[in-house]
C-alpha atoms as a PDB file:
ATOM      1  CA  MET A   1      -7.580  -2.766  -9.971  1.00  0.00           C
ATOM      2  CA  LYS A   2      -6.682  -1.188 -13.244  1.00  0.00           C
ATOM      3  CA  TYR A   3      -5.459   2.473 -13.539  1.00  0.00           C
ATOM      4  CA  LYS A   4      -8.488   3.969 -14.968  1.00  0.00           C
ATOM      5  CA  GLU A   5     -10.726   2.481 -12.107  1.00  0.00           C
ATOM      6  CA  LEU A   6      -8.836   4.785  -9.963  1.00  0.00           C
ATOM      7  CA  GLY A   7      -9.639   7.653 -11.770  1.00  0.00           C
ATOM      8  CA  LEU A   8     -12.185   8.785  -9.566  1.00  0.00           C
ATOM      9  CA  LEU A   9     -10.466   7.711  -6.233  1.00  0.00           C
ATOM     10  CA  LEU A  10      -7.293   9.788  -7.499  1.00  0.00           C
ATOM     11  CA  GLY A  11      -9.340  12.790  -8.820  1.00  0.00           C
ATOM     12  CA  LEU A  12     -11.251  13.338  -5.136  1.00  0.00           C
ATOM     13  CA  ILE A  13      -7.734  12.688  -3.367  1.00  0.00           C
ATOM     14  CA  GLY A  14      -5.124  13.579  -5.674  1.00  0.00           C
ATOM     15  CA  ILE A  15      -5.780  17.275  -6.676  1.00  0.00           C
ATOM     16  CA  LEU A  16      -6.467  18.096  -2.823  1.00  0.00           C
ATOM     17  CA  ILE A  17      -2.999  17.627  -1.880  1.00  0.00           C
ATOM     18  CA  GLN A  18      -0.748  20.769  -2.101  1.00  0.00           C
ATOM     19  CA  PRO A  19       3.006  20.406  -1.103  1.00  0.00           C
ATOM     20  CA  ALA A  20       3.893  23.182   1.518  1.00  0.00           C
ATOM     21  CA  ALA A  21       5.844  26.212   0.254  1.00  0.00           C
ATOM     22  CA  ALA A  22       9.743  25.067   0.459  1.00  0.00           C
ATOM     23  CA  ASP A  23       9.233  22.583   3.322  1.00  0.00           C
ATOM     24  CA  GLU A  24       8.029  25.054   5.959  1.00  0.00           C
ATOM     25  CA  LYS A  25       9.921  24.778   9.048  1.00  0.00           C
ATOM     26  CA  LEU A  26       8.872  25.639  12.338  1.00  0.00           C
ATOM     27  CA  ALA A  27      10.404  25.700  16.024  1.00  0.00           C
ATOM     28  CA  THR A  28       7.007  24.005  17.431  1.00  0.00           C
ATOM     29  CA  LEU A  29       3.891  22.880  16.431  1.00  0.00           C
ATOM     30  CA  LYS A  30       1.021  22.056  18.821  1.00  0.00           C
ATOM     31  CA  VAL A  31      -1.451  19.474  17.566  1.00  0.00           C
ATOM     32  CA  GLY A  32      -3.921  19.248  20.523  1.00  0.00           C
ATOM     33  CA  ARG A  33      -1.825  18.418  23.946  1.00  0.00           C
ATOM     34  CA  ALA A  34       1.061  17.343  22.167  1.00  0.00           C
ATOM     35  CA  THR A  35       3.625  19.859  21.250  1.00  0.00           C
ATOM     36  CA  TYR A  36       6.300  18.863  18.461  1.00  0.00           C
ATOM     37  CA  THR A  37       9.841  20.705  17.808  1.00  0.00           C
ATOM     38  CA  ASN A  38      11.849  21.539  15.015  1.00  0.00           C
ATOM     39  CA  VAL A  39       9.427  20.882  12.656  1.00  0.00           C
ATOM     40  CA  THR A  40       9.481  20.850   8.858  1.00  0.00           C
ATOM     41  CA  VAL A  41       6.121  20.694   7.129  1.00  0.00           C
ATOM     42  CA  THR A  42       6.329  18.557   4.257  1.00  0.00           C
ATOM     43  CA  THR A  43       2.569  18.688   2.554  1.00  0.00           C
ATOM     44  CA  VAL A  44      -0.926  20.545   3.520  1.00  0.00           C
ATOM     45  CA  THR A  45      -4.100  19.361   2.123  1.00  0.00           C
ATOM     46  CA  ALA A  46      -7.531  20.482   2.771  1.00  0.00           C
ATOM     47  CA  THR A  47      -8.199  18.529   5.695  1.00  0.00           C
ATOM     48  CA  ASP A  48      -4.312  17.290   7.135  1.00  0.00           C
ATOM     49  CA  ILE A  49      -0.900  18.359   7.867  1.00  0.00           C
ATOM     50  CA  TYR A  50       2.273  16.127   6.828  1.00  0.00           C
ATOM     51  CA  PHE A  51       5.437  16.780   8.610  1.00  0.00           C
ATOM     52  CA  THR A  52       8.838  15.779  10.146  1.00  0.00           C
ATOM     53  CA  HIS A  53      10.046  16.585  13.641  1.00  0.00           C
ATOM     54  CA  SER A  54      12.626  15.957  16.169  1.00  0.00           C
ATOM     55  CA  GLN A  55      11.424  12.286  16.881  1.00  0.00           C
ATOM     56  CA  GLY A  56      10.255  11.235  13.415  1.00  0.00           C
ATOM     57  CA  MET A  57       7.543  11.628  10.749  1.00  0.00           C
ATOM     58  CA  GLY A  58       4.019  12.945  11.644  1.00  0.00           C
ATOM     59  CA  ASN A  59       0.533  14.058  10.384  1.00  0.00           C
ATOM     60  CA  ALA A  60      -2.762  15.601  12.046  1.00  0.00           C
ATOM     61  CA  LYS A  61      -5.861  17.017  11.196  1.00  0.00           C
ATOM     62  CA  LEU A  62      -5.812  20.827  10.283  1.00  0.00           C
ATOM     63  CA  LYS A  63      -9.036  21.254  12.825  1.00  0.00           C
ATOM     64  CA  SER A  64      -6.598  19.481  15.714  1.00  0.00           C
ATOM     65  CA  LEU A  65      -4.431  22.826  15.306  1.00  0.00           C
ATOM     66  CA  SER A  66      -4.208  25.972  17.190  1.00  0.00           C
ATOM     67  CA  PRO A  67      -6.505  28.484  15.418  1.00  0.00           C
ATOM     68  CA  GLU A  68      -3.477  30.458  14.837  1.00  0.00           C
ATOM     69  CA  ALA A  69      -1.992  27.658  13.032  1.00  0.00           C
ATOM     70  CA  GLN A  70      -5.300  26.665  11.075  1.00  0.00           C
ATOM     71  CA  LYS A  71      -5.318  30.128   9.453  1.00  0.00           C
ATOM     72  CA  LYS A  72      -1.332  29.818   8.540  1.00  0.00           C
ATOM     73  CA  PHE A  73      -2.201  26.615   6.811  1.00  0.00           C
ATOM     74  CA  GLY A  74      -5.319  28.249   5.116  1.00  0.00           C
ATOM     75  CA  PHE A  75      -7.724  25.775   7.144  1.00  0.00           C
ATOM     76  CA  ASP A  76     -11.132  26.245   5.812  1.00  0.00           C
ATOM     77  CA  PRO A  77     -13.877  24.134   8.152  1.00  0.00           C
ATOM     78  CA  THR A  78     -16.499  24.069   5.469  1.00  0.00           C
ATOM     79  CA  LYS A  79     -14.257  23.133   2.618  1.00  0.00           C
ATOM     80  CA  GLY A  80     -12.505  20.266   5.112  1.00  0.00           C
ATOM     81  CA  GLN A  81     -16.240  18.962   5.592  1.00  0.00           C
ATOM     82  CA  VAL A  82     -16.428  18.754   2.094  1.00  0.00           C
ATOM     83  CA  VAL A  83     -13.502  17.132   1.580  1.00  0.00           C
ATOM     84  CA  GLU A  84     -13.913  14.483   4.136  1.00  0.00           C
ATOM     85  CA  LYS A  85     -17.179  13.766   2.628  1.00  0.00           C
ATOM     86  CA  GLN A  86     -15.741  12.961  -0.675  1.00  0.00           C
ATOM     87  CA  GLN A  87     -12.695  10.987   0.879  1.00  0.00           C
ATOM     88  CA  THR A  88     -15.658   8.872   2.706  1.00  0.00           C
ATOM     89  CA  GLU A  89     -17.732   8.461  -0.571  1.00  0.00           C
ATOM     90  CA  ALA A  90     -14.202   7.228  -2.292  1.00  0.00           C
ATOM     91  CA  ASN A  91     -13.310   5.003   0.377  1.00  0.00           C
ATOM     92  CA  SER A  92     -16.835   3.166   0.326  1.00  0.00           C
ATOM     93  CA  LYS A  93     -16.783   2.963  -3.715  1.00  0.00           C
ATOM     94  CA  PHE A  94     -13.393   1.309  -2.943  1.00  0.00           C
ATOM     95  CA  LEU A  95     -14.746  -0.917  -0.487  1.00  0.00           C
ATOM     96  CA  MET A  96     -17.902  -1.669  -3.088  1.00  0.00           C
ATOM     97  CA  ALA A  97     -15.666  -2.164  -5.586  1.00  0.00           C
ATOM     98  CA  VAL A  98     -13.445  -4.742  -3.731  1.00  0.00           C
ATOM     99  CA  ALA A  99     -16.566  -6.925  -2.478  1.00  0.00           C
ATOM    100  CA  ALA A 100     -18.046  -7.054  -6.115  1.00  0.00           C
ATOM    101  CA  ARG A 101     -14.494  -8.577  -7.544  1.00  0.00           C
ATOM    102  CA  ALA A 102     -14.590 -11.042  -4.525  1.00  0.00           C
ATOM    103  CA  LYS A 103     -17.917 -12.470  -5.910  1.00  0.00           C
ATOM    104  CA  GLU A 104     -16.268 -12.981  -9.360  1.00  0.00           C
ATOM    105  CA  LYS A 105     -15.493 -16.555 -10.258  1.00  0.00           C
ATOM    106  CA  PRO A 106     -11.932 -17.309 -11.377  1.00  0.00           C
ATOM    107  CA  ASP A 107     -11.399 -17.242 -15.085  1.00  0.00           C
ATOM    108  CA  ALA A 108     -10.360 -20.604 -15.912  1.00  0.00           C
ATOM    109  CA  SER A 109     -10.486 -20.638 -19.603  1.00  0.00           C
ATOM    110  CA  PRO A 110      -7.359 -21.809 -21.629  1.00  0.00           C
ATOM    111  CA  ASN A 111      -6.945 -18.318 -22.024  1.00  0.00           C
ATOM    112  CA  SER A 112      -6.945 -16.998 -18.444  1.00  0.00           C
ATOM    113  CA  SER A 113      -3.933 -14.934 -16.822  1.00  0.00           C
ATOM    114  CA  ASN A 114      -4.820 -17.286 -14.014  1.00  0.00           C
ATOM    115  CA  PRO A 115      -3.812 -20.797 -15.540  1.00  0.00           C
ATOM    116  CA  PRO A 116      -5.219 -23.909 -13.805  1.00  0.00           C
ATOM    117  CA  GLY A 117      -2.855 -26.151 -12.260  1.00  0.00           C
ATOM    118  CA  GLY A 118      -3.144 -24.860  -8.098  1.00  0.00           C
ATOM    119  CA  GLY A 119      -4.667 -27.687  -5.716  1.00  0.00           C
ATOM    120  CA  ALA A 120      -7.910 -27.521  -3.909  1.00  0.00           C
ATOM    121  CA  GLY A 121      -8.075 -24.310  -1.419  1.00  0.00           C
ATOM    122  CA  GLU A 122      -5.224 -22.578  -2.879  1.00  0.00           C
ATOM    123  CA  PRO A 123      -6.316 -18.644  -3.392  1.00  0.00           C
ATOM    124  CA  VAL A 124      -6.767 -17.310  -6.800  1.00  0.00           C
ATOM    125  CA  ALA A 125      -7.354 -13.713  -7.495  1.00  0.00           C
ATOM    126  CA  PRO A 126     -10.162 -13.530 -10.326  1.00  0.00           C
ATOM    127  CA  LYS A 127      -8.204 -11.347 -12.533  1.00  0.00           C
ATOM    128  CA  LEU A 128      -4.586 -10.380 -12.993  1.00  0.00           C
ATOM    129  CA  HIS A 129      -3.293  -7.323 -14.397  1.00  0.00           C
ATOM    130  CA  ALA A 130       0.404  -8.540 -14.806  1.00  0.00           C
ATOM    131  CA  LYS A 131       2.009 -11.207 -16.262  1.00  0.00           C
ATOM    132  CA  SER A 132       1.543 -14.469 -14.822  1.00  0.00           C
ATOM    133  CA  PHE A 133       3.986 -16.166 -12.988  1.00  0.00           C
ATOM    134  CA  ARG A 134       1.891 -18.755 -10.789  1.00  0.00           C
ATOM    135  CA  GLY A 135       3.533 -22.023 -10.491  1.00  0.00           C
ATOM    136  CA  ALA A 136       6.726 -20.811 -12.217  1.00  0.00           C
ATOM    137  CA  PRO A 137      10.054 -19.494 -10.934  1.00  0.00           C
ATOM    138  CA  ALA A 138       9.752 -15.660  -9.534  1.00  0.00           C
ATOM    139  CA  PRO A 139      11.056 -12.834 -11.412  1.00  0.00           C
ATOM    140  CA  GLN A 140      14.248 -11.539 -10.106  1.00  0.00           C
ATOM    141  CA  PHE A 141      13.336  -9.261  -6.973  1.00  0.00           C
ATOM    142  CA  VAL A 142      15.201  -5.973  -7.314  1.00  0.00           C
ATOM    143  CA  VAL A 143      15.710  -3.553  -4.498  1.00  0.00           C
ATOM    144  CA  GLU A 144      17.244  -0.235  -5.049  1.00  0.00           C
ATOM    145  CA  LYS A 145      17.364   0.574  -1.087  1.00  0.00           C
ATOM    146  CA  TRP A 146      15.398  -0.765   1.857  1.00  0.00           C
ATOM    147  CA  LEU A 147      13.859   1.827   3.953  1.00  0.00           C
ATOM    148  CA  THR A 148      13.297  -0.827   6.515  1.00  0.00           C
ATOM    149  CA  PRO A 149      15.685  -3.329   8.030  1.00  0.00           C
ATOM    150  CA  LYS A 150      16.391  -5.877   5.568  1.00  0.00           C
ATOM    151  CA  PRO A 151      14.561  -9.352   6.317  1.00  0.00           C
ATOM    152  CA  ALA A 152      15.702 -12.462   6.690  1.00  0.00           C
ATOM    153  CA  MET A 153      14.060 -14.428   3.814  1.00  0.00           C
ATOM    154  CA  THR A 154      15.762 -17.626   3.480  1.00  0.00           C
ATOM    155  CA  GLY A 155      13.555 -20.408   4.083  1.00  0.00           C
ATOM    156  CA  LYS A 156      10.304 -18.238   3.986  1.00  0.00           C
ATOM    157  CA  PHE A 157       7.641 -17.210   2.057  1.00  0.00           C
ATOM    158  CA  VAL A 158       8.171 -13.884   0.380  1.00  0.00           C
ATOM    159  CA  LEU A 159       5.020 -11.817  -0.382  1.00  0.00           C
ATOM    160  CA  VAL A 160       6.015  -8.932  -2.563  1.00  0.00           C
ATOM    161  CA  ASP A 161       3.294  -6.179  -2.711  1.00  0.00           C
ATOM    162  CA  PHE A 162       3.604  -3.462  -5.571  1.00  0.00           C
ATOM    163  CA  TRP A 163       2.021  -0.454  -4.254  1.00  0.00           C
ATOM    164  CA  ALA A 164       2.347   3.095  -4.005  1.00  0.00           C
ATOM    165  CA  THR A 165       1.299   6.026  -1.292  1.00  0.00           C
ATOM    166  CA  TRP A 166      -0.999   7.801  -4.281  1.00  0.00           C
ATOM    167  CA  CYS A 167      -3.007   4.709  -4.497  1.00  0.00           C
ATOM    168  CA  PRO A 168      -6.528   4.381  -2.329  1.00  0.00           C
ATOM    169  CA  PRO A 169      -6.316   0.437  -2.888  1.00  0.00           C
ATOM    170  CA  CYS A 170      -2.470   0.111  -1.679  1.00  0.00           C
ATOM    171  CA  ARG A 171      -3.261   2.083   1.369  1.00  0.00           C
ATOM    172  CA  GLY A 172      -6.504   0.249   1.971  1.00  0.00           C
ATOM    173  CA  SER A 173      -4.472  -3.259   1.833  1.00  0.00           C
ATOM    174  CA  ILE A 174      -1.938  -2.515   4.282  1.00  0.00           C
ATOM    175  CA  PRO A 175      -4.119  -3.364   7.262  1.00  0.00           C
ATOM    176  CA  HIS A 176      -4.806  -6.838   5.597  1.00  0.00           C
ATOM    177  CA  LEU A 177      -0.764  -7.234   4.967  1.00  0.00           C
ATOM    178  CA  ASN A 178      -0.348  -6.458   8.718  1.00  0.00           C
ATOM    179  CA  GLU A 179      -2.375  -9.064   9.682  1.00  0.00           C
ATOM    180  CA  LEU A 180      -1.002 -11.679   7.480  1.00  0.00           C
ATOM    181  CA  GLN A 181       2.820 -10.358   8.614  1.00  0.00           C
ATOM    182  CA  GLU A 182       1.609 -10.788  12.079  1.00  0.00           C
ATOM    183  CA  LYS A 183      -0.215 -13.963  11.859  1.00  0.00           C
ATOM    184  CA  PHE A 184       2.633 -16.111  10.067  1.00  0.00           C
ATOM    185  CA  LYS A 185       5.620 -14.320  11.217  1.00  0.00           C
ATOM    186  CA  ASP A 186       7.370 -17.224  11.665  1.00  0.00           C
ATOM    187  CA  GLN A 187       6.712 -18.677   8.129  1.00  0.00           C
ATOM    188  CA  LEU A 188       6.518 -15.300   5.754  1.00  0.00           C
ATOM    189  CA  VAL A 189       7.987 -12.199   5.209  1.00  0.00           C
ATOM    190  CA  VAL A 190       6.118  -9.368   3.483  1.00  0.00           C
ATOM    191  CA  VAL A 191       7.572  -6.652   1.721  1.00  0.00           C
ATOM    192  CA  GLY A 192       5.986  -3.518   0.361  1.00  0.00           C
ATOM    193  CA  LEU A 193       7.858  -2.340  -2.874  1.00  0.00           C
ATOM    194  CA  SER A 194       7.349   1.126  -4.530  1.00  0.00           C
ATOM    195  CA  ASP A 195       8.877   2.760  -7.620  1.00  0.00           C
ATOM    196  CA  GLU A 196       8.688   6.243  -5.470  1.00  0.00           C
ATOM    197  CA  SER A 197      11.200   8.051  -3.851  1.00  0.00           C
ATOM    198  CA  GLU A 198      12.073   7.512  -0.525  1.00  0.00           C
ATOM    199  CA  ALA A 199      11.022  10.495   0.820  1.00  0.00           C
ATOM    200  CA  ASP A 200       7.331  10.007  -0.572  1.00  0.00           C
ATOM    201  CA  ILE A 201       7.360   6.853   0.746  1.00  0.00           C
ATOM    202  CA  ARG A 202       8.332   8.057   4.635  1.00  0.00           C
ATOM    203  CA  ARG A 203       5.987  11.151   3.855  1.00  0.00           C
ATOM    204  CA  MET A 204       3.013   8.578   4.286  1.00  0.00           C
ATOM    205  CA  THR A 205       2.487   7.640   8.004  1.00  0.00           C
ATOM    206  CA  ASN A 206      -1.079   6.448   7.907  1.00  0.00           C
ATOM    207  CA  PRO A 207      -1.984   3.510   7.875  1.00  0.00           C
ATOM    208  CA  LYS A 208       1.224   2.372   9.564  1.00  0.00           C
ATOM    209  CA  ILE A 209       3.092  -0.174   7.812  1.00  0.00           C
ATOM    210  CA  ASN A 210       4.213  -3.345  10.043  1.00  0.00           C
ATOM    211  CA  TYR A 211       6.568  -5.107   7.519  1.00  0.00           C
ATOM    212  CA  ALA A 212       9.348  -4.443   5.126  1.00  0.00           C
ATOM    213  CA  VAL A 213       9.313  -1.598   2.860  1.00  0.00           C
ATOM    214  CA  ALA A 214      11.632  -1.073  -0.094  1.00  0.00           C
ATOM    215  CA  SER A 215      11.864   1.106  -2.912  1.00  0.00           C
ATOM    216  CA  ASP A 216      13.145   0.814  -6.602  1.00  0.00           C
ATOM    217  CA  THR A 217      12.616   4.013  -8.338  1.00  0.00           C
ATOM    218  CA  SER A 218      13.485   2.560 -11.953  1.00  0.00           C
ATOM    219  CA  GLY A 219      10.743   0.174 -11.102  1.00  0.00           C
ATOM    220  CA  ARG A 220      12.444  -2.900 -12.476  1.00  0.00           C
ATOM    221  CA  THR A 221      10.584  -5.755 -10.916  1.00  0.00           C
ATOM    222  CA  MET A 222       7.579  -3.911 -12.117  1.00  0.00           C
ATOM    223  CA  SER A 223       8.460  -3.770 -15.554  1.00  0.00           C
ATOM    224  CA  GLU A 224       9.423  -7.416 -15.501  1.00  0.00           C
ATOM    225  CA  VAL A 225       6.107  -8.423 -13.965  1.00  0.00           C
ATOM    226  CA  GLN A 226       4.304  -6.047 -16.510  1.00  0.00           C
ATOM    227  CA  ILE A 227       2.267  -4.654 -14.132  1.00  0.00           C
ATOM    228  CA  THR A 228      -0.669  -2.448 -15.243  1.00  0.00           C
ATOM    229  CA  GLY A 229      -2.812  -2.243 -12.136  1.00  0.00           C
ATOM    230  CA  ILE A 230      -1.578  -2.153  -8.328  1.00  0.00           C
ATOM    231  CA  PRO A 231      -2.131  -3.072  -5.470  1.00  0.00           C
ATOM    232  CA  HIS A 232      -0.263  -6.403  -7.210  1.00  0.00           C
ATOM    233  CA  ALA A 233       0.906  -8.976  -4.932  1.00  0.00           C
ATOM    234  CA  ILE A 234       3.019 -12.263  -5.751  1.00  0.00           C
ATOM    235  CA  LEU A 235       3.943 -14.889  -2.903  1.00  0.00           C
ATOM    236  CA  ILE A 236       6.999 -16.867  -3.353  1.00  0.00           C
ATOM    237  CA  ASP A 237       7.651 -20.097  -1.404  1.00  0.00           C
ATOM    238  CA  PRO A 238      11.027 -20.805  -0.245  1.00  0.00           C
ATOM    239  CA  LYS A 239      12.078 -22.790  -3.202  1.00  0.00           C
ATOM    240  CA  GLY A 240      11.430 -19.722  -5.314  1.00  0.00           C
ATOM    241  CA  ILE A 241       7.989 -20.427  -6.828  1.00  0.00           C
ATOM    242  CA  VAL A 242       5.331 -18.288  -7.169  1.00  0.00           C
ATOM    243  CA  ARG A 243       2.241 -19.299  -5.427  1.00  0.00           C
ATOM    244  CA  PHE A 244      -0.476 -16.932  -5.394  1.00  0.00           C
ATOM    245  CA  GLU A 245      -0.573 -13.611  -7.675  1.00  0.00           C
ATOM    246  CA  GLY A 246      -3.096 -10.655  -7.697  1.00  0.00           C
ATOM    247  CA  MET A 247      -4.598  -8.143  -5.328  1.00  0.00           C
ATOM    248  CA  PRO A 248      -3.736  -8.757  -1.885  1.00  0.00           C
ATOM    249  CA  HIS A 249      -6.925  -9.286  -0.314  1.00  0.00           C
ATOM    250  CA  TYR A 250      -7.569 -12.026  -1.949  1.00  0.00           C
ATOM    251  CA  LEU A 251      -4.756 -13.721  -0.115  1.00  0.00           C
ATOM    252  CA  THR A 252      -6.932 -14.755   2.789  1.00  0.00           C
ATOM    253  CA  GLU A 253      -5.595 -15.955   6.168  1.00  0.00           C
ATOM    254  CA  LYS A 254      -7.153 -19.487   5.514  1.00  0.00           C
ATOM    255  CA  GLY A 255      -5.688 -19.542   1.703  1.00  0.00           C
ATOM    256  CA  MET A 256      -2.015 -18.743   3.139  1.00  0.00           C
ATOM    257  CA  LYS A 257      -2.230 -21.681   5.435  1.00  0.00           C
ATOM    258  CA  VAL A 258      -3.320 -23.633   2.815  1.00  0.00           C
ATOM    259  CA  LEU A 259      -0.213 -22.520   0.953  1.00  0.00           C
ATOM    260  CA  ILE A 260       2.076 -22.755   3.787  1.00  0.00           C
ATOM    261  CA  ASP A 261       0.996 -26.271   4.818  1.00  0.00           C
ATOM    262  CA  ARG A 262       1.288 -27.676   0.924  1.00  0.00           C
ATOM    263  CA  TYR A 263       4.279 -25.863  -0.202  1.00  0.00           C
ATOM    264  CA  GLY A 264       6.509 -24.853   3.286  1.00  0.00           C
ATOM    265  CA  ASN A 265       9.937 -26.452   3.737  1.00  0.00           C
END
């Protein structure tokens, strides 16, 4: 999905996020029946609060806080309902766009960004918003910092997902990538690579990511791949050849199995 196609989604979501003043610190924060200690509030939106605490990071709905905390963080129930409705509508539009793209036929013209040459049954994204590497050696994969333990990638397929926390389609792809990692954990390593800061990436806790995450604030790999829209993923086989590229949801479990059977060691 191109950046301009995200305009409405980002307009509905991004303008609603405001950082908490000076990362406000609290001795405790009660959310429902849970009580968090040594809390630092990092971000407050019209509907949610994001924070770190003594045992890690968390987020909660403002409506789940005590009346005193709701008042402290300026929770407006009426505005909150409006925002949740807008977010639901934005998510619905995104899912409709994904469904529409899934019906598109791959462009097999001589000037296609997805050149022919893949075998029968191999997944191909209808459109590509980046330089094509399919069937060729992968671009240099540059990581500035691993935010999870560095995975063992030798002898495995590596699926690099270029994403950002502010990108609704990127967040929408996370559950699918989690499923691919779990389903093919013996043959596949999924890596989420963002050009955002470590703090921004760690601030996002929903949806949960169950695969490796890394940052490169210089965006060196993204620049080499010439990405103009995210999410964008490339699948590299154990010999270093790109076997899939495009939006992650086009790489289905069935397609992944075909590629593993065909190009695995």
